[in-house]
Amino acid sequence: MSGFKNTTSTTSQDPNALRPGFTPQSENWNGRLAMIGFLSVVLIEALTGQGFLHFWGIL
């Protein structure tokens, strides 16, 4: 089989790898961080009894 090129990729196909740009991996991380942020806001509002902006003194 001489003459055939090795077509394996040199980059890992790990779905959790951090890569710059608009890649599926970066969209996964963006979604995870958004979920953490949203959950944090909900917990702050539930535990303190005031809105997120009032908690930080913005309103």
PDB file of N, CA and C in Angstrom:
ATOM      1  N   MET A   1       0.817  -1.189   0.000  1.00  0.00           N
ATOM      2  CA  MET A   1       0.000   0.000   0.000  1.00  0.00           C
ATOM      3  C   MET A   1       0.858   1.249   0.000  1.00  0.00           C
ATOM      4  N   SER A   2       1.920   1.220  -0.711  1.00  0.00           N
ATOM      5  CA  SER A   2       2.704   2.437  -0.814  1.00  0.00           C
ATOM      6  C   SER A   2       1.958   3.416  -1.719  1.00  0.00           C
ATOM      7  N   GLY A   3       2.113   4.688  -1.444  1.00  0.00           N
ATOM      8  CA  GLY A   3       1.416   5.694  -2.226  1.00  0.00           C
ATOM      9  C   GLY A   3       0.193   6.252  -1.521  1.00  0.00           C
ATOM     10  N   PHE A   4      -0.256   5.610  -0.461  1.00  0.00           N
ATOM     11  CA  PHE A   4      -1.385   6.143   0.291  1.00  0.00           C
ATOM     12  C   PHE A   4      -0.885   7.054   1.392  1.00  0.00           C
ATOM     13  N   LYS A   5      -1.572   8.162   1.559  1.00  0.00           N
ATOM     14  CA  LYS A   5      -1.194   9.099   2.607  1.00  0.00           C
ATOM     15  C   LYS A   5      -1.863   8.709   3.917  1.00  0.00           C
ATOM     16  N   ASN A   6      -1.224   9.064   5.009  1.00  0.00           N
ATOM     17  CA  ASN A   6      -1.826   8.878   6.325  1.00  0.00           C
ATOM     18  C   ASN A   6      -2.803  10.022   6.542  1.00  0.00           C
ATOM     19  N   THR A   7      -4.089   9.723   6.664  1.00  0.00           N
ATOM     20  CA  THR A   7      -5.107  10.762   6.765  1.00  0.00           C
ATOM     21  C   THR A   7      -5.525  11.046   8.203  1.00  0.00           C
ATOM     22  N   THR A   8      -4.791  10.538   9.174  1.00  0.00           N
ATOM     23  CA  THR A   8      -5.168  10.793  10.558  1.00  0.00           C
ATOM     24  C   THR A   8      -4.854  12.230  10.912  1.00  0.00           C
ATOM     25  N   SER A   9      -5.689  12.816  11.708  1.00  0.00           N
ATOM     26  CA  SER A   9      -5.539  14.204  12.119  1.00  0.00           C
ATOM     27  C   SER A   9      -4.521  14.316  13.243  1.00  0.00           C
ATOM     28  N   THR A  10      -3.785  15.421  13.243  1.00  0.00           N
ATOM     29  CA  THR A  10      -2.810  15.633  14.315  1.00  0.00           C
ATOM     30  C   THR A  10      -3.441  16.268  15.537  1.00  0.00           C
ATOM     31  N   THR A  11      -4.651  16.820  15.398  1.00  0.00           N
ATOM     32  CA  THR A  11      -5.342  17.402  16.548  1.00  0.00           C
ATOM     33  C   THR A  11      -6.248  16.365  17.164  1.00  0.00           C
ATOM     34  N   SER A  12      -6.468  16.489  18.451  1.00  0.00           N
ATOM     35  CA  SER A  12      -7.327  15.520  19.125  1.00  0.00           C
ATOM     36  C   SER A  12      -8.787  15.854  18.848  1.00  0.00           C
ATOM     37  N   GLN A  13      -9.609  14.862  18.823  1.00  0.00           N
ATOM     38  CA  GLN A  13     -11.034  15.042  18.582  1.00  0.00           C
ATOM     39  C   GLN A  13     -11.814  15.049  19.888  1.00  0.00           C
ATOM     40  N   ASP A  14     -11.152  15.412  20.961  1.00  0.00           N
ATOM     41  CA  ASP A  14     -11.779  15.458  22.273  1.00  0.00           C
ATOM     42  C   ASP A  14     -12.872  16.527  22.287  1.00  0.00           C
ATOM     43  N   PRO A  15     -14.129  16.171  22.585  1.00  0.00           N
ATOM     44  CA  PRO A  15     -15.203  17.163  22.568  1.00  0.00           C
ATOM     45  C   PRO A  15     -15.089  18.192  23.688  1.00  0.00           C
ATOM     46  N   ASN A  16     -14.228  17.958  24.676  1.00  0.00           N
ATOM     47  CA  ASN A  16     -14.059  18.915  25.758  1.00  0.00           C
ATOM     48  C   ASN A  16     -12.798  19.762  25.612  1.00  0.00           C
ATOM     49  N   ALA A  17     -12.081  19.611  24.523  1.00  0.00           N
ATOM     50  CA  ALA A  17     -10.844  20.363  24.315  1.00  0.00           C
ATOM     51  C   ALA A  17     -11.157  21.847  24.112  1.00  0.00           C
ATOM     52  N   LEU A  18     -10.285  22.696  24.615  1.00  0.00           N
ATOM     53  CA  LEU A  18     -10.452  24.131  24.431  1.00  0.00           C
ATOM     54  C   LEU A  18      -9.738  24.564  23.161  1.00  0.00           C
ATOM     55  N   ARG A  19     -10.506  25.071  22.208  1.00  0.00           N
ATOM     56  CA  ARG A  19      -9.942  25.552  20.955  1.00  0.00           C
ATOM     57  C   ARG A  19     -10.537  26.916  20.653  1.00  0.00           C
ATOM     58  N   PRO A  20      -9.747  27.839  20.119  1.00  0.00           N
ATOM     59  CA  PRO A  20     -10.288  29.161  19.777  1.00  0.00           C
ATOM     60  C   PRO A  20     -11.154  29.109  18.526  1.00  0.00           C
ATOM     61  N   GLY A  21     -12.013  30.083  18.374  1.00  0.00           N
ATOM     62  CA  GLY A  21     -12.844  30.173  17.180  1.00  0.00           C
ATOM     63  C   GLY A  21     -14.218  29.567  17.380  1.00  0.00           C
ATOM     64  N   PHE A  22     -15.010  29.598  16.322  1.00  0.00           N
ATOM     65  CA  PHE A  22     -16.366  29.067  16.360  1.00  0.00           C
ATOM     66  C   PHE A  22     -16.351  27.581  16.037  1.00  0.00           C
ATOM     67  N   THR A  23     -15.995  26.800  17.025  1.00  0.00           N
ATOM     68  CA  THR A  23     -15.945  25.356  16.869  1.00  0.00           C
ATOM     69  C   THR A  23     -17.020  24.735  17.754  1.00  0.00           C
ATOM     70  N   PRO A  24     -17.410  23.511  17.485  1.00  0.00           N
ATOM     71  CA  PRO A  24     -18.385  22.863  18.373  1.00  0.00           C
ATOM     72  C   PRO A  24     -17.902  22.785  19.815  1.00  0.00           C
ATOM     73  N   GLN A  25     -16.590  22.638  20.018  1.00  0.00           N
ATOM     74  CA  GLN A  25     -16.066  22.573  21.380  1.00  0.00           C
ATOM     75  C   GLN A  25     -16.251  23.905  22.098  1.00  0.00           C
ATOM     76  N   SER A  26     -15.996  25.013  21.407  1.00  0.00           N
ATOM     77  CA  SER A  26     -16.158  26.311  22.057  1.00  0.00           C
ATOM     78  C   SER A  26     -17.630  26.596  22.340  1.00  0.00           C
ATOM     79  N   GLU A  27     -18.508  26.132  21.487  1.00  0.00           N
ATOM     80  CA  GLU A  27     -19.942  26.303  21.747  1.00  0.00           C
ATOM     81  C   GLU A  27     -20.385  25.466  22.941  1.00  0.00           C
ATOM     82  N   ASN A  28     -19.797  24.281  23.112  1.00  0.00           N
ATOM     83  CA  ASN A  28     -20.103  23.476  24.299  1.00  0.00           C
ATOM     84  C   ASN A  28     -19.690  24.214  25.564  1.00  0.00           C
ATOM     85  N   TRP A  29     -18.473  24.765  25.571  1.00  0.00           N
ATOM     86  CA  TRP A  29     -17.999  25.491  26.751  1.00  0.00           C
ATOM     87  C   TRP A  29     -18.817  26.749  26.990  1.00  0.00           C
ATOM     88  N   ASN A  30     -19.204  27.450  25.936  1.00  0.00           N
ATOM     89  CA  ASN A  30     -20.026  28.639  26.081  1.00  0.00           C
ATOM     90  C   ASN A  30     -21.360  28.280  26.738  1.00  0.00           C
ATOM     91  N   GLY A  31     -21.963  27.197  26.309  1.00  0.00           N
ATOM     92  CA  GLY A  31     -23.234  26.765  26.899  1.00  0.00           C
ATOM     93  C   GLY A  31     -23.084  26.356  28.349  1.00  0.00           C
ATOM     94  N   ARG A  32     -21.998  25.660  28.675  1.00  0.00           N
ATOM     95  CA  ARG A  32     -21.768  25.243  30.064  1.00  0.00           C
ATOM     96  C   ARG A  32     -21.582  26.437  30.978  1.00  0.00           C
ATOM     97  N   LEU A  33     -20.797  27.408  30.533  1.00  0.00           N
ATOM     98  CA  LEU A  33     -20.571  28.599  31.359  1.00  0.00           C
ATOM     99  C   LEU A  33     -21.847  29.433  31.495  1.00  0.00           C
ATOM    100  N   ALA A  34     -22.652  29.481  30.445  1.00  0.00           N
ATOM    101  CA  ALA A  34     -23.929  30.184  30.526  1.00  0.00           C
ATOM    102  C   ALA A  34     -24.864  29.508  31.535  1.00  0.00           C
ATOM    103  N   MET A  35     -24.870  28.175  31.551  1.00  0.00           N
ATOM    104  CA  MET A  35     -25.711  27.459  32.522  1.00  0.00           C
ATOM    105  C   MET A  35     -25.247  27.711  33.953  1.00  0.00           C
ATOM    106  N   ILE A  36     -23.934  27.763  34.163  1.00  0.00           N
ATOM    107  CA  ILE A  36     -23.404  28.049  35.498  1.00  0.00           C
ATOM    108  C   ILE A  36     -23.792  29.454  35.922  1.00  0.00           C
ATOM    109  N   GLY A  37     -23.682  30.417  35.016  1.00  0.00           N
ATOM    110  CA  GLY A  37     -24.057  31.797  35.329  1.00  0.00           C
ATOM    111  C   GLY A  37     -25.535  31.923  35.643  1.00  0.00           C
ATOM    112  N   PHE A  38     -26.378  31.280  34.859  1.00  0.00           N
ATOM    113  CA  PHE A  38     -27.820  31.349  35.099  1.00  0.00           C
ATOM    114  C   PHE A  38     -28.186  30.707  36.426  1.00  0.00           C
ATOM    115  N   LEU A  39     -27.593  29.562  36.723  1.00  0.00           N
ATOM    116  CA  LEU A  39     -27.859  28.891  37.992  1.00  0.00           C
ATOM    117  C   LEU A  39     -27.387  29.749  39.170  1.00  0.00           C
ATOM    118  N   SER A  40     -26.262  30.433  38.999  1.00  0.00           N
ATOM    119  CA  SER A  40     -25.757  31.314  40.057  1.00  0.00           C
ATOM    120  C   SER A  40     -26.739  32.445  40.343  1.00  0.00           C
ATOM    121  N   VAL A  41     -27.284  33.044  39.299  1.00  0.00           N
ATOM    122  CA  VAL A  41     -28.257  34.127  39.485  1.00  0.00           C
ATOM    123  C   VAL A  41     -29.509  33.604  40.185  1.00  0.00           C
ATOM    124  N   VAL A  42     -29.986  32.449  39.778  1.00  0.00           N
ATOM    125  CA  VAL A  42     -31.184  31.873  40.407  1.00  0.00           C
ATOM    126  C   VAL A  42     -30.928  31.577  41.879  1.00  0.00           C
ATOM    127  N   LEU A  43     -29.769  31.021  42.200  1.00  0.00           N
ATOM    128  CA  LEU A  43     -29.448  30.720  43.603  1.00  0.00           C
ATOM    129  C   LEU A  43     -29.308  31.989  44.437  1.00  0.00           C
ATOM    130  N   ILE A  44     -28.684  33.021  43.901  1.00  0.00           N
ATOM    131  CA  ILE A  44     -28.558  34.289  44.636  1.00  0.00           C
ATOM    132  C   ILE A  44     -29.932  34.847  44.940  1.00  0.00           C
ATOM    133  N   GLU A  45     -30.821  34.840  43.947  1.00  0.00           N
ATOM    134  CA  GLU A  45     -32.163  35.370  44.166  1.00  0.00           C
ATOM    135  C   GLU A  45     -32.953  34.509  45.145  1.00  0.00           C
ATOM    136  N   ALA A  46     -32.783  33.201  45.099  1.00  0.00           N
ATOM    137  CA  ALA A  46     -33.534  32.322  45.992  1.00  0.00           C
ATOM    138  C   ALA A  46     -33.027  32.413  47.431  1.00  0.00           C
ATOM    139  N   LEU A  47     -31.722  32.526  47.611  1.00  0.00           N
ATOM    140  CA  LEU A  47     -31.156  32.528  48.962  1.00  0.00           C
ATOM    141  C   LEU A  47     -31.216  33.893  49.651  1.00  0.00           C
ATOM    142  N   THR A  48     -31.157  34.983  48.888  1.00  0.00           N
ATOM    143  CA  THR A  48     -31.158  36.312  49.507  1.00  0.00           C
ATOM    144  C   THR A  48     -32.533  36.952  49.515  1.00  0.00           C
ATOM    145  N   GLY A  49     -33.437  36.498  48.665  1.00  0.00           N
ATOM    146  CA  GLY A  49     -34.773  37.073  48.625  1.00  0.00           C
ATOM    147  C   GLY A  49     -34.830  38.402  47.892  1.00  0.00           C
ATOM    148  N   GLN A  50     -33.790  38.787  47.227  1.00  0.00           N
ATOM    149  CA  GLN A  50     -33.798  40.015  46.434  1.00  0.00           C
ATOM    150  C   GLN A  50     -33.255  39.723  45.043  1.00  0.00           C
ATOM    151  N   GLY A  51     -33.544  40.623  44.126  1.00  0.00           N
ATOM    152  CA  GLY A  51     -33.101  40.425  42.758  1.00  0.00           C
ATOM    153  C   GLY A  51     -31.592  40.505  42.623  1.00  0.00           C
ATOM    154  N   PHE A  52     -31.106  40.006  41.498  1.00  0.00           N
ATOM    155  CA  PHE A  52     -29.668  39.973  41.250  1.00  0.00           C
ATOM    156  C   PHE A  52     -29.068  41.378  41.239  1.00  0.00           C
ATOM    157  N   LEU A  53     -29.728  42.326  40.574  1.00  0.00           N
ATOM    158  CA  LEU A  53     -29.203  43.687  40.508  1.00  0.00           C
ATOM    159  C   LEU A  53     -29.268  44.387  41.860  1.00  0.00           C
ATOM    160  N   HIS A  54     -30.293  44.110  42.644  1.00  0.00           N
ATOM    161  CA  HIS A  54     -30.380  44.673  43.997  1.00  0.00           C
ATOM    162  C   HIS A  54     -29.304  44.066  44.896  1.00  0.00           C
ATOM    163  N   PHE A  55     -29.005  42.798  44.714  1.00  0.00           N
ATOM    164  CA  PHE A  55     -27.986  42.135  45.508  1.00  0.00           C
ATOM    165  C   PHE A  55     -26.627  42.801  45.321  1.00  0.00           C
ATOM    166  N   TRP A  56     -26.302  43.190  44.108  1.00  0.00           N
ATOM    167  CA  TRP A  56     -25.020  43.839  43.820  1.00  0.00           C
ATOM    168  C   TRP A  56     -25.064  45.348  44.006  1.00  0.00           C
ATOM    169  N   GLY A  57     -26.226  45.895  44.383  1.00  0.00           N
ATOM    170  CA  GLY A  57     -26.338  47.335  44.642  1.00  0.00           C
ATOM    171  C   GLY A  57     -26.422  48.182  43.390  1.00  0.00           C
ATOM    172  N   ILE A  58     -26.817  47.606  42.298  1.00  0.00           N
ATOM    173  CA  ILE A  58     -26.922  48.357  41.054  1.00  0.00           C
ATOM    174  C   ILE A  58     -28.235  49.106  40.985  1.00  0.00           C
ATOM    175  N   LEU A  59     -29.291  48.557  41.536  1.00  0.00           N
ATOM    176  CA  LEU A  59     -30.604  49.224  41.551  1.00  0.00           C
ATOM    177  C   LEU A  59     -30.971  49.635  42.943  1.00  0.00           C
TER     178      LEU A  59
END
